[in-house]
Amino acid sequence: MRAFLWIGTLLLLFVLAAAPLTSQAVGDNSFEALKRFSQVMDIVENHYVQDIPRSTLIEDAIKGMLEQLDPHSTYLNKDDFKDIQISTSGEFSGIGIEISLEQGRLTVISPIEDTPADKAGLKSGDIILEIDGQATQDITLTEAVKRIRGAKGSTVKLVILHKGSNKPVTVPIVRGTIPIHSVKTQELESGYLYVRLTRFNENTTRDMLDKLKEYKAKKEIKGLVLDLRNNPGGLLDQAVSVADAFLSDGLVVYIQGRDASQRKDFPATRGSEDVAAPMVTLINPGSASASEIVAGALQDHKRALLLGERSFGKGSVQTVIPLSDGTGIKLTTALYYTPNGRSIQAEGIVPDLEVPFVPTEEDKNADDRFTLREQDLSRHLQNNGGGKNKGSETSKEAGEMLGRDNQLRLALELVKKLPTIRQIR
C-alpha cells in the first residue's frame, strides 16, 4: 500500500509508505447509524421515481461520505484508480490544471507550467462554468476530471469566468501529454543560477542535480535562486531529496497521524552532491504541498532566504487505499510539519520578505485574479498548531525574465549580498 500527499485532482502528488490502518470495534451507536442508512436505502430503492441499482446507491453514498470530510478525501472508481497509477509516473494526457470545488463552483487552484492550460491563459482563481457545453453546477470533482481529461490531440471547450469580469469567455484547449520535465535553469548573471521547479515528479532531484553539476563544470556557483512559485507539489520523497541537496543534516519534515505512534521523520543526510552556495527561494500562493515542505525546511534551517508571498497552506497527507474490487479511496490520514514543528495546514509558509508580484503593464489584466489558498477551500482541516550591476553578464533571455519579474530581480540582488552559507562541514 502506498500513501500520497495530494493538492488537486489532475496531478498526483507526494508518495510515502502508508501506515497500516487499524479496525475499531463497532458499538451500539454505530449499528443504529447503519440501520438508519439501510432504512433510507430501502426507501429510495422502493419509492424513488427511477430504478437505481443498489450498487450505485452504495457507491454514491461512499462518495458523499468521503467528500464531506475535507477537500482532498475522495472515492476512486476503477478508472480513477488506474489514473493514479499513471499519474505517479508524471505522464498523462489532459490540459494540466489543479482544481477544487468551492461553494459549488469548479475553481482552478493552479495551472501547471508549460501545459495546455497554462498556455491558454488559465490562472489561479478562474471559475469553470461549463465543460464542453455542460454546466458544472452540482458537478463532482471526479466527474469534472473525467470531462476535462481526454486523448492527446482532442479539444475540450471550457467556459471561464475571471474575477472582475461579468462576461464569461469560451476557451478551447487542445489536450496534450503533460510533460514530465520539472526542472529549468537559467544563468541570471555569471555565477548566479536560476533554478525553477515546476513540480516534484520521480526525476526531479536527479534532473536538478544534473543541471547543477553541468553548470559547476563550467563555473563556480556563487548564488542560487530557487523558484517554487506556482509549483503545486509532487512526490514526497522528491521534496525530501531536493531539500536534502541543500542541507547536510537535520530534519527535513515529519508527518503525524492522530496517534503519537504514527509519527514518521524524514531526515537530511550528508552527501557528496550537497550544494553550499547562498540561496534565495521564491514562493507564492500557488506553492503547495511538496513546495511548502522544501520551503519550510530551508527556512527553519536558515539555509535560504524566502521571498514572495504566503504559500497555499496544504499540509495534509492523503493515503490511497486499494479496495478488493479494483476501486479505492483517498483518505486524509496525517498532517506534515516543518523541522521546527510548524503545521502549515491552512496557514502556509510566510516568507522572510513578503514582496507581492507586480505585473508589467501588458500583464496586468491577465494577472488581475484573486489568489486561492488551502484556507479558502470548503471543509479544509484547521491548523492545530532592479538593474544589473556593473560588470555583470546577463543574457537576453535572462534580461527579459528579470525585466518582467520584480520578485526575481530582488532575489538576484539579495543572493549576491548574502554571506556564503556552508552546510557541509
Protein backbone atom coordinates (compact mmCIF):
# COMPACT_ATOMS: atom_id res chain seq x y z
CA MET A 1 0.00 0.00 0.00
CA ARG A 2 1.26 3.50 -0.75
CA ALA A 3 0.14 6.87 0.54
CA PHE A 4 0.03 10.18 -1.23
CA LEU A 5 0.10 13.87 -0.35
CA TRP A 6 -2.38 15.48 -2.72
CA ILE A 7 -3.02 19.07 -3.84
CA GLY A 8 -5.56 18.72 -6.62
CA THR A 9 -7.24 16.21 -8.85
CA LEU A 10 -5.37 16.37 -12.16
CA LEU A 11 -1.89 15.63 -10.85
CA LEU A 12 -0.86 13.03 -8.29
CA LEU A 13 1.40 14.39 -5.62
CA PHE A 14 3.59 13.13 -2.74
CA VAL A 15 4.12 9.43 -2.05
CA LEU A 16 5.27 7.58 1.08
CA ALA A 17 4.86 4.24 2.80
CA ALA A 18 1.41 4.10 4.36
CA ALA A 19 0.92 3.11 7.95
CA PRO A 20 -1.39 0.15 8.47
CA LEU A 21 -4.95 1.14 9.25
CA THR A 22 -6.42 -0.44 12.38
CA SER A 23 -10.02 -1.54 12.65
CA GLN A 24 -12.22 -0.41 15.51
CA ALA A 25 -14.97 -2.24 17.27
CA VAL A 26 -18.45 -1.26 16.17
CA GLY A 27 -20.58 -0.11 19.08
CA ASP A 28 -24.33 0.05 19.50
CA ASN A 29 -24.47 3.62 18.22
CA SER A 30 -22.71 2.55 15.03
CA PHE A 31 -25.27 -0.21 14.48
CA GLU A 32 -28.05 2.34 14.89
CA ALA A 33 -26.44 4.55 12.26
CA LEU A 34 -26.08 1.60 9.87
CA LYS A 35 -29.71 0.68 10.49
CA ARG A 36 -30.78 4.22 9.56
CA PHE A 37 -28.67 4.08 6.41
CA SER A 38 -30.27 0.76 5.45
CA GLN A 39 -33.74 2.20 6.01
CA VAL A 40 -33.05 5.19 3.78
CA MET A 41 -31.59 2.99 1.06
CA ASP A 42 -34.68 0.74 1.16
CA ILE A 43 -36.95 3.77 0.84
CA VAL A 44 -35.01 5.05 -2.15
CA GLU A 45 -34.99 1.64 -3.82
CA ASN A 46 -38.74 1.17 -3.39
CA HIS A 47 -40.10 4.69 -3.89
CA TYR A 48 -37.69 6.77 -5.95
CA VAL A 49 -39.11 7.78 -9.33
CA GLN A 50 -36.39 5.85 -11.19
CA ASP A 51 -34.95 2.39 -10.62
CA ILE A 52 -31.43 2.82 -9.23
CA PRO A 53 -29.25 -0.27 -8.67
CA ARG A 54 -28.24 -0.84 -5.07
CA SER A 55 -24.55 -0.91 -6.08
CA THR A 56 -24.91 2.62 -7.49
CA LEU A 57 -26.62 3.87 -4.33
CA ILE A 58 -23.87 2.45 -2.14
CA GLU A 59 -21.11 3.85 -4.35
CA ASP A 60 -22.70 7.30 -4.31
CA ALA A 61 -23.08 7.11 -0.53
CA ILE A 62 -19.38 6.33 -0.20
CA LYS A 63 -18.55 9.29 -2.44
CA GLY A 64 -20.67 11.62 -0.36
CA MET A 65 -19.21 10.40 2.93
CA LEU A 66 -15.61 10.95 1.81
CA GLU A 67 -16.18 14.26 0.04
CA GLN A 68 -17.78 15.72 3.17
CA LEU A 69 -14.63 15.06 5.23
CA ASP A 70 -12.27 17.58 3.63
CA PRO A 71 -11.35 18.87 0.15
CA HIS A 72 -8.82 16.09 -0.50
CA SER A 73 -10.52 12.85 0.59
CA THR A 74 -12.44 11.13 -2.20
CA TYR A 75 -13.66 7.87 -3.70
CA LEU A 76 -11.77 6.40 -6.66
CA ASN A 77 -13.60 4.19 -9.12
CA LYS A 78 -11.62 1.71 -11.22
CA ASP A 79 -10.72 4.26 -13.88
CA ASP A 80 -9.71 6.84 -11.26
CA PHE A 81 -7.52 4.28 -9.52
CA LYS A 82 -5.78 3.45 -12.81
CA ASP A 83 -5.26 7.17 -13.45
CA ILE A 84 -3.46 7.46 -10.12
CA GLN A 85 -1.01 4.76 -11.15
CA ILE A 86 -0.38 6.65 -14.39
CA SER A 87 -0.05 9.98 -12.59
CA THR A 88 2.72 8.76 -10.30
CA SER A 89 4.99 8.39 -13.32
CA GLY A 90 4.34 12.04 -14.23
CA GLU A 91 2.91 11.19 -17.65
CA PHE A 92 -0.77 11.56 -18.51
CA SER A 93 -2.99 13.22 -21.07
CA GLY A 94 -5.02 16.27 -20.18
CA ILE A 95 -4.71 20.04 -20.00
CA GLY A 96 -2.66 20.38 -16.78
CA ILE A 97 -4.60 22.16 -14.04
CA GLU A 98 -5.25 21.64 -10.35
CA ILE A 99 -8.92 22.17 -9.48
CA SER A 100 -11.22 22.23 -6.46
CA LEU A 101 -14.93 22.65 -5.76
CA GLU A 102 -15.58 25.85 -3.82
CA GLN A 103 -19.13 26.69 -2.77
CA GLY A 104 -20.37 24.64 -5.68
CA ARG A 105 -18.06 26.36 -8.17
CA LEU A 106 -15.36 24.49 -10.06
CA THR A 107 -12.28 26.57 -9.37
CA VAL A 108 -8.73 26.49 -10.72
CA ILE A 109 -6.13 26.28 -7.96
CA SER A 110 -3.16 26.47 -10.31
CA PRO A 111 -2.25 25.67 -13.91
CA ILE A 112 0.85 23.52 -14.32
CA GLU A 113 3.62 25.37 -16.09
CA ASP A 114 4.13 24.71 -19.81
CA THR A 115 0.92 22.69 -20.14
CA PRO A 116 -2.01 23.42 -22.50
CA ALA A 117 -3.95 25.08 -19.65
CA ASP A 118 -1.02 27.37 -18.83
CA LYS A 119 -0.50 28.32 -22.46
CA ALA A 120 -4.24 29.00 -22.84
CA GLY A 121 -4.02 31.59 -20.08
CA LEU A 122 -5.84 29.86 -17.23
CA LYS A 123 -4.93 31.32 -13.83
CA SER A 124 -5.39 30.58 -10.16
CA GLY A 125 -8.93 31.55 -9.14
CA ASP A 126 -10.57 31.06 -12.53
CA ILE A 127 -14.08 29.59 -12.29
CA ILE A 128 -15.00 26.90 -14.82
CA LEU A 129 -18.70 27.33 -15.65
CA GLU A 130 -19.01 24.77 -18.45
CA ILE A 131 -17.08 21.81 -19.83
CA ASP A 132 -17.91 21.00 -23.46
CA GLY A 133 -21.28 22.71 -23.19
CA GLN A 134 -22.29 21.02 -19.93
CA ALA A 135 -22.74 23.21 -16.86
CA THR A 136 -20.51 22.47 -13.87
CA GLN A 137 -23.24 23.31 -11.35
CA ASP A 138 -23.61 20.39 -8.92
CA ILE A 139 -20.74 18.53 -10.65
CA THR A 140 -18.48 16.35 -8.53
CA LEU A 141 -14.73 16.70 -8.64
CA THR A 142 -14.39 13.21 -10.10
CA GLU A 143 -16.84 13.98 -12.89
CA ALA A 144 -15.04 17.23 -13.67
CA VAL A 145 -11.73 15.42 -14.01
CA LYS A 146 -13.26 12.85 -16.35
CA ARG A 147 -14.74 15.54 -18.60
CA ILE A 148 -11.57 17.63 -18.75
CA ARG A 149 -9.19 14.74 -19.34
CA GLY A 150 -9.10 13.02 -22.69
CA ALA A 151 -6.99 11.75 -25.53
CA LYS A 152 -3.98 13.75 -26.64
CA GLY A 153 -4.87 15.98 -29.57
CA SER A 154 -8.57 16.23 -28.73
CA THR A 155 -10.11 19.56 -27.73
CA VAL A 156 -12.06 20.49 -24.61
CA LYS A 157 -14.03 23.75 -24.51
CA LEU A 158 -14.16 25.46 -21.13
CA VAL A 159 -16.34 28.45 -20.29
CA ILE A 160 -14.26 30.51 -17.85
CA LEU A 161 -15.24 33.43 -15.62
CA HIS A 162 -12.41 35.67 -14.48
CA LYS A 163 -12.70 37.75 -11.33
CA GLY A 164 -13.87 41.28 -12.04
CA SER A 165 -15.49 40.22 -15.29
CA ASN A 166 -19.22 39.83 -15.82
CA LYS A 167 -18.77 38.13 -19.16
CA PRO A 168 -17.65 34.50 -19.34
CA VAL A 169 -15.28 33.54 -22.13
CA THR A 170 -15.02 30.27 -24.02
CA VAL A 171 -11.51 28.82 -24.02
CA PRO A 172 -10.85 25.86 -26.34
CA ILE A 173 -7.83 23.84 -25.18
CA VAL A 174 -6.16 21.04 -27.09
CA ARG A 175 -5.27 18.24 -24.71
CA GLY A 176 -1.67 17.08 -24.61
CA THR A 177 0.70 14.84 -22.71
CA ILE A 178 1.58 16.66 -19.52
CA PRO A 179 5.38 16.95 -19.67
CA ILE A 180 7.45 15.14 -17.08
CA HIS A 181 10.30 17.67 -17.18
CA SER A 182 10.11 19.59 -13.93
CA VAL A 183 13.46 21.41 -13.76
CA LYS A 184 14.52 24.52 -15.64
CA THR A 185 17.68 26.54 -15.19
CA GLN A 186 18.88 29.90 -16.47
CA GLU A 187 22.04 31.84 -15.75
CA LEU A 188 20.98 35.25 -14.47
CA GLU A 189 24.49 36.63 -14.22
CA SER A 190 27.87 34.95 -14.27
CA GLY A 191 27.92 32.54 -11.32
CA TYR A 192 24.30 33.19 -10.34
CA LEU A 193 21.92 30.44 -11.37
CA TYR A 194 18.13 30.42 -11.50
CA VAL A 195 16.57 27.00 -10.78
CA ARG A 196 12.86 26.61 -11.46
CA LEU A 197 10.99 23.53 -10.19
CA THR A 198 7.56 23.26 -11.77
CA ARG A 199 6.52 20.20 -9.71
CA PHE A 200 8.05 17.18 -7.98
CA ASN A 201 7.97 14.01 -10.06
CA GLU A 202 10.12 10.90 -9.87
CA ASN A 203 13.02 12.51 -11.76
CA THR A 204 13.08 15.99 -10.21
CA THR A 205 16.02 15.61 -7.82
CA ARG A 206 18.19 13.76 -10.30
CA ASP A 207 17.45 16.29 -13.07
CA MET A 208 18.15 19.21 -10.72
CA LEU A 209 21.47 17.76 -9.55
CA ASP A 210 22.49 17.00 -13.14
CA LYS A 211 21.83 20.61 -14.17
CA LEU A 212 23.75 21.93 -11.17
CA LYS A 213 26.65 19.60 -11.92
CA GLU A 214 26.65 20.66 -15.57
CA TYR A 215 26.80 24.33 -14.58
CA LYS A 216 29.50 23.76 -11.92
CA ALA A 217 31.67 22.09 -14.57
CA LYS A 218 31.80 25.44 -16.36
CA LYS A 219 31.99 27.90 -13.49
CA GLU A 220 31.59 28.31 -9.75
CA ILE A 221 28.07 28.74 -8.42
CA LYS A 222 28.14 31.97 -6.42
CA GLY A 223 24.43 32.00 -5.65
CA LEU A 224 21.15 30.24 -6.39
CA VAL A 225 17.60 31.47 -6.83
CA LEU A 226 15.26 28.52 -6.29
CA ASP A 227 11.83 29.26 -7.76
CA LEU A 228 8.92 27.28 -6.27
CA ARG A 229 6.19 29.69 -7.32
CA ASN A 230 3.05 28.05 -8.71
CA ASN A 231 4.53 24.62 -8.01
CA PRO A 232 1.52 22.54 -6.87
CA GLY A 233 3.64 19.77 -5.35
CA GLY A 234 4.65 16.23 -6.19
CA LEU A 235 6.21 13.17 -4.67
CA LEU A 236 7.15 13.46 -1.02
CA ASP A 237 10.43 11.56 -1.41
CA GLN A 238 11.43 14.05 -4.11
CA ALA A 239 10.60 17.01 -1.86
CA VAL A 240 12.79 15.48 0.85
CA SER A 241 15.69 14.75 -1.52
CA VAL A 242 15.52 18.22 -3.10
CA ALA A 243 15.75 19.84 0.34
CA ASP A 244 18.45 17.34 1.29
CA ALA A 245 20.58 18.58 -1.63
CA PHE A 246 20.94 21.88 0.22
CA LEU A 247 21.13 20.54 3.79
CA SER A 248 23.82 18.37 5.33
CA ASP A 249 21.89 17.18 8.39
CA GLY A 250 18.82 17.76 10.50
CA LEU A 251 15.14 17.08 9.93
CA VAL A 252 13.52 17.92 6.59
CA VAL A 253 9.90 17.17 7.52
CA TYR A 254 7.85 14.82 9.66
CA ILE A 255 4.28 13.54 9.36
CA GLN A 256 1.96 12.90 12.28
CA GLY A 257 -1.31 10.98 12.31
CA ARG A 258 -3.91 11.21 15.06
CA ASP A 259 -1.88 8.82 17.23
CA ALA A 260 1.57 9.77 18.51
CA SER A 261 2.91 6.39 17.40
CA GLN A 262 2.18 7.29 13.78
CA ARG A 263 4.89 9.94 13.55
CA LYS A 264 7.45 9.44 10.78
CA ASP A 265 10.61 11.55 10.41
CA PHE A 266 12.42 12.35 7.16
CA PRO A 267 16.00 13.48 7.93
CA ALA A 268 18.59 15.11 5.71
CA THR A 269 21.83 13.26 5.00
CA ARG A 270 25.32 14.43 4.21
CA GLY A 271 26.04 13.81 0.53
CA SER A 272 28.79 14.45 -1.99
CA GLU A 273 26.40 16.46 -4.17
CA ASP A 274 25.22 18.85 -1.44
CA VAL A 275 25.16 22.48 -2.62
CA ALA A 276 26.53 25.16 -0.27
CA ALA A 277 26.01 28.35 -2.29
CA PRO A 278 23.88 31.20 -0.83
CA MET A 279 20.20 30.84 -1.74
CA VAL A 280 17.01 32.83 -2.12
CA THR A 281 13.82 30.82 -2.54
CA LEU A 282 10.69 32.25 -4.19
CA ILE A 283 7.19 31.18 -3.11
CA ASN A 284 3.64 32.40 -3.73
CA PRO A 285 0.02 31.24 -3.17
CA GLY A 286 0.47 28.62 -5.89
CA SER A 287 3.30 26.94 -3.95
CA ALA A 288 1.72 23.93 -2.27
CA SER A 289 2.47 20.64 -0.51
CA ALA A 290 5.90 19.45 -1.67
CA SER A 291 6.91 23.03 -2.40
CA GLU A 292 5.98 24.01 1.14
CA ILE A 293 7.96 21.09 2.56
CA VAL A 294 11.09 22.30 0.79
CA ALA A 295 10.49 25.97 1.61
CA GLY A 296 9.73 25.20 5.26
CA ALA A 297 12.84 23.06 5.68
CA LEU A 298 15.12 25.66 4.11
CA GLN A 299 13.57 28.41 6.22
CA ASP A 300 13.71 26.53 9.54
CA HIS A 301 17.37 25.61 8.98
CA LYS A 302 18.10 29.22 7.92
CA ARG A 303 19.55 27.78 4.74
CA ALA A 304 17.74 30.12 2.35
CA LEU A 305 16.04 33.49 2.45
CA LEU A 306 12.38 33.10 1.48
CA LEU A 307 10.92 35.86 -0.68
CA GLY A 308 7.49 36.38 -2.22
CA GLU A 309 4.01 35.75 -0.87
CA ARG A 310 2.47 33.35 1.65
CA SER A 311 2.13 29.85 0.24
CA PHE A 312 -1.04 27.82 -0.29
CA GLY A 313 -1.10 26.01 3.06
CA LYS A 314 -1.76 22.40 2.07
CA GLY A 315 -0.25 20.42 4.92
CA SER A 316 -2.23 17.19 4.95
CA VAL A 317 -1.26 13.67 3.92
CA GLN A 318 -3.58 11.51 1.85
CA THR A 319 -3.35 7.72 1.84
CA VAL A 320 -4.56 5.95 -1.28
CA ILE A 321 -6.09 2.66 -0.15
CA PRO A 322 -6.99 0.00 -2.74
CA LEU A 323 -10.25 -1.91 -2.29
CA SER A 324 -10.85 -5.52 -3.26
CA ASP A 325 -12.95 -4.71 -6.35
CA GLY A 326 -10.30 -2.57 -8.05
CA THR A 327 -11.61 0.73 -6.71
CA GLY A 328 -10.05 2.70 -3.87
CA ILE A 329 -10.31 5.66 -1.55
CA LYS A 330 -8.04 8.61 -0.97
CA LEU A 331 -8.22 9.47 2.72
CA THR A 332 -6.56 12.22 4.75
CA THR A 333 -4.59 10.38 7.43
CA ALA A 334 -1.97 12.81 8.77
CA LEU A 335 -0.51 16.30 8.74
CA TYR A 336 3.07 17.19 7.89
CA TYR A 337 5.26 19.51 9.94
CA THR A 338 8.36 21.57 9.26
CA PRO A 339 11.57 20.80 11.22
CA ASN A 340 10.62 23.33 13.91
CA GLY A 341 7.26 21.65 14.40
CA ARG A 342 5.11 24.07 12.40
CA SER A 343 1.96 22.70 10.86
CA ILE A 344 1.24 24.84 7.82
CA GLN A 345 -2.22 23.36 7.21
CA ALA A 346 -4.47 26.27 6.15
CA GLU A 347 -1.68 28.67 7.26
CA GLY A 348 1.01 28.33 4.64
CA ILE A 349 4.66 29.34 4.75
CA VAL A 350 5.18 33.04 5.36
CA PRO A 351 8.28 34.28 3.52
CA ASP A 352 11.03 36.16 5.31
CA LEU A 353 10.43 39.04 2.92
CA GLU A 354 6.83 39.49 1.76
CA VAL A 355 7.02 41.04 -1.67
CA PRO A 356 3.92 40.88 -3.90
CA PHE A 357 4.33 40.18 -7.57
CA VAL A 358 3.83 43.32 -9.64
CA PRO A 359 2.84 42.50 -13.23
CA THR A 360 4.06 44.61 -16.11
CA GLU A 361 1.55 46.82 -17.90
CA GLU A 362 0.95 44.21 -20.60
CA ASP A 363 0.31 41.51 -17.99
CA LYS A 364 -1.86 43.49 -15.56
CA ASN A 365 -5.19 42.43 -17.00
CA ALA A 366 -4.13 38.79 -17.24
CA ASP A 367 -2.91 38.68 -13.64
CA ASP A 368 -5.78 40.58 -12.00
CA ARG A 369 -7.17 37.48 -10.30
CA PHE A 370 -7.78 36.62 -6.68
CA THR A 371 -5.43 34.16 -5.02
CA LEU A 372 -6.65 30.85 -3.69
CA ARG A 373 -5.21 29.05 -0.66
CA GLU A 374 -5.98 25.93 1.37
CA GLN A 375 -7.80 28.04 3.98
CA ASP A 376 -10.27 29.11 1.30
CA LEU A 377 -11.25 25.54 0.47
CA SER A 378 -14.54 24.27 1.85
CA ARG A 379 -14.17 21.83 4.77
CA HIS A 380 -10.42 22.42 4.98
CA LEU A 381 -8.74 20.99 8.06
CA GLN A 382 -7.98 23.56 10.74
CA ASN A 383 -4.39 24.10 11.81
CA ASN A 384 -3.61 22.67 15.21
CA GLY A 385 -0.83 24.01 15.97
CA GLY A 386 16.19 46.17 -10.46
CA GLY A 387 19.00 46.62 -12.95
CA LYS A 388 22.20 44.64 -13.37
CA ASN A 389 25.47 45.58 -11.69
CA LYS A 390 28.48 46.92 -13.49
CA GLY A 391 30.49 44.11 -14.95
CA SER A 392 27.67 41.57 -14.73
CA GLU A 393 26.82 39.35 -17.64
CA THR A 394 23.12 38.91 -18.39
CA SER A 395 21.84 37.06 -21.44
CA LYS A 396 18.92 38.37 -23.47
CA GLU A 397 16.65 35.64 -22.11
CA ALA A 398 17.69 36.32 -18.52
CA GLY A 399 17.26 40.04 -19.09
CA GLU A 400 13.71 39.50 -20.31
CA MET A 401 12.93 37.31 -17.28
CA LEU A 402 14.30 39.91 -14.88
CA GLY A 403 12.54 42.72 -16.71
CA ARG A 404 9.07 41.28 -16.19
CA ASP A 405 9.55 39.77 -12.71
CA ASN A 406 10.10 42.14 -9.77
CA GLN A 407 10.41 39.26 -7.29
CA LEU A 408 13.17 37.63 -9.34
CA ARG A 409 15.04 40.91 -9.70
CA LEU A 410 15.04 41.41 -5.94
CA ALA A 411 16.02 37.78 -5.35
CA LEU A 412 19.07 38.19 -7.57
CA GLU A 413 20.17 41.36 -5.80
CA LEU A 414 19.73 39.72 -2.39
CA VAL A 415 21.52 36.48 -3.20
CA LYS A 416 24.54 38.47 -4.34
CA LYS A 417 24.66 40.16 -0.94
CA LEU A 418 24.09 37.08 1.23
CA PRO A 419 27.12 35.72 3.10
CA THR A 420 28.36 32.34 2.00
CA ILE A 421 26.30 29.67 3.77
CA ARG A 422 28.23 26.48 4.29
CA GLN A 423 26.18 23.47 5.26
CA ILE A 424 28.97 20.97 4.57
CA ARG A 425 31.48 20.85 7.41
